[in-house]
């Protein structure tokens, strides 16, 4: 892990994979498609820790927004009665 001039952590693709608990191939695919922003230093590819954290926050927020509301059996009965 390296620090750039602003004190931000720069992560390698392997470190990104470790943090995501994913394979290196998955991490490289996310990086190459631009899903997670990258920094290029010559031929090296790095990811700002803040960009990875933002990606994870957005994925978590999106998952929470699309989570279906669970319906209780009382609500189901009520709905069925009102439709009849």
Protein backbone atom coordinates (compact mmCIF):
# COMPACT_ATOMS: atom_id res chain seq x y z
CA UNK A 1 0.00 0.00 0.00
CA UNK A 2 1.40 3.42 -0.95
CA UNK A 3 0.42 6.95 -0.03
CA UNK A 4 0.17 9.65 -2.66
CA UNK A 5 0.87 13.34 -1.96
CA UNK A 6 -2.62 13.88 -0.51
CA UNK A 7 -2.18 11.05 1.97
CA UNK A 8 -4.70 8.79 0.22
CA UNK A 9 -4.03 5.08 0.19
CA UNK A 10 -3.40 3.59 -3.22
CA UNK A 11 -4.33 -0.07 -3.51
CA UNK A 12 -3.10 -2.69 -5.95
CA UNK A 13 -5.64 -4.78 -7.86
CA UNK A 14 -4.69 -7.73 -5.62
CA UNK A 15 -5.47 -5.66 -2.52
CA UNK A 16 -8.80 -4.63 -4.07
CA UNK A 17 -9.59 -8.31 -4.64
CA UNK A 18 -8.71 -9.12 -1.00
CA UNK A 19 -10.93 -6.32 0.32
CA UNK A 20 -13.81 -7.41 -1.93
CA UNK A 21 -13.24 -11.08 -1.01
CA UNK A 22 -13.21 -11.73 -4.75
CA UNK A 23 -10.80 -13.25 -7.24
CA UNK A 24 -8.12 -11.14 -8.88
CA UNK A 25 -9.89 -11.74 -12.20
CA UNK A 26 -13.09 -10.20 -10.82
CA UNK A 27 -11.18 -7.21 -9.46
CA UNK A 28 -9.39 -6.69 -12.79
CA UNK A 29 -12.71 -6.94 -14.65
CA UNK A 30 -14.29 -4.25 -12.44
CA UNK A 31 -11.24 -2.03 -12.91
CA UNK A 32 -10.93 -2.52 -16.67
CA UNK A 33 -14.65 -1.78 -17.21
CA UNK A 34 -14.30 1.42 -15.18
CA UNK A 35 -16.76 0.30 -12.53
CA UNK A 36 -14.16 1.28 -9.93
CA UNK A 37 -12.00 4.28 -10.94
CA UNK A 38 -8.28 3.66 -11.36
CA UNK A 39 -5.07 5.66 -11.26
CA UNK A 40 -2.39 4.78 -13.82
CA UNK A 41 1.23 5.32 -12.85
CA UNK A 42 3.19 4.29 -15.91
CA UNK A 43 2.12 0.69 -16.47
CA UNK A 44 0.90 0.29 -12.88
CA UNK A 45 -2.78 0.33 -12.02
CA UNK A 46 -3.84 1.54 -8.59
CA UNK A 47 -7.13 2.32 -6.86
CA UNK A 48 -7.69 5.07 -4.34
CA UNK A 49 -9.07 3.59 -1.14
CA UNK A 50 -11.74 6.31 -1.11
CA UNK A 51 -12.95 5.28 -4.59
CA UNK A 52 -13.22 1.65 -3.50
CA UNK A 53 -15.09 2.65 -0.33
CA UNK A 54 -17.46 4.82 -2.41
CA UNK A 55 -18.13 1.89 -4.76
CA UNK A 56 -18.93 -0.37 -1.79
CA UNK A 57 -21.21 2.27 -0.22
CA UNK A 58 -23.09 2.75 -3.49
CA UNK A 59 -23.53 -1.00 -3.94
CA UNK A 60 -24.81 -1.31 -0.36
CA UNK A 61 -27.22 1.61 -0.78
CA UNK A 62 -28.49 0.24 -4.09
CA UNK A 63 -29.03 -3.19 -2.58
CA UNK A 64 -30.95 -1.70 0.35
CA UNK A 65 -33.12 0.42 -1.98
CA UNK A 66 -34.11 -2.53 -4.17
CA UNK A 67 -34.74 -4.95 -1.31
CA UNK A 68 -38.37 -6.08 -1.50
CA UNK A 69 -40.54 -5.31 1.49
CA UNK A 70 -41.48 -8.44 3.38
CA UNK A 71 -45.21 -8.89 3.74
CA UNK A 72 -46.73 -10.44 6.84
CA UNK A 73 -49.44 -13.05 6.55
CA UNK A 74 -51.94 -10.58 8.05
CA UNK A 75 -51.14 -8.07 5.29
CA UNK A 76 -51.51 -10.80 2.67
CA UNK A 77 -54.96 -11.78 4.00
CA UNK A 78 -55.98 -8.13 4.10
CA UNK A 79 -54.85 -7.59 0.50
CA UNK A 80 -56.65 -10.74 -0.71
CA UNK A 81 -59.88 -9.66 1.00
CA UNK A 82 -59.75 -6.18 -0.51
CA UNK A 83 -59.21 -7.64 -4.02
CA UNK A 84 -62.26 -9.95 -3.75
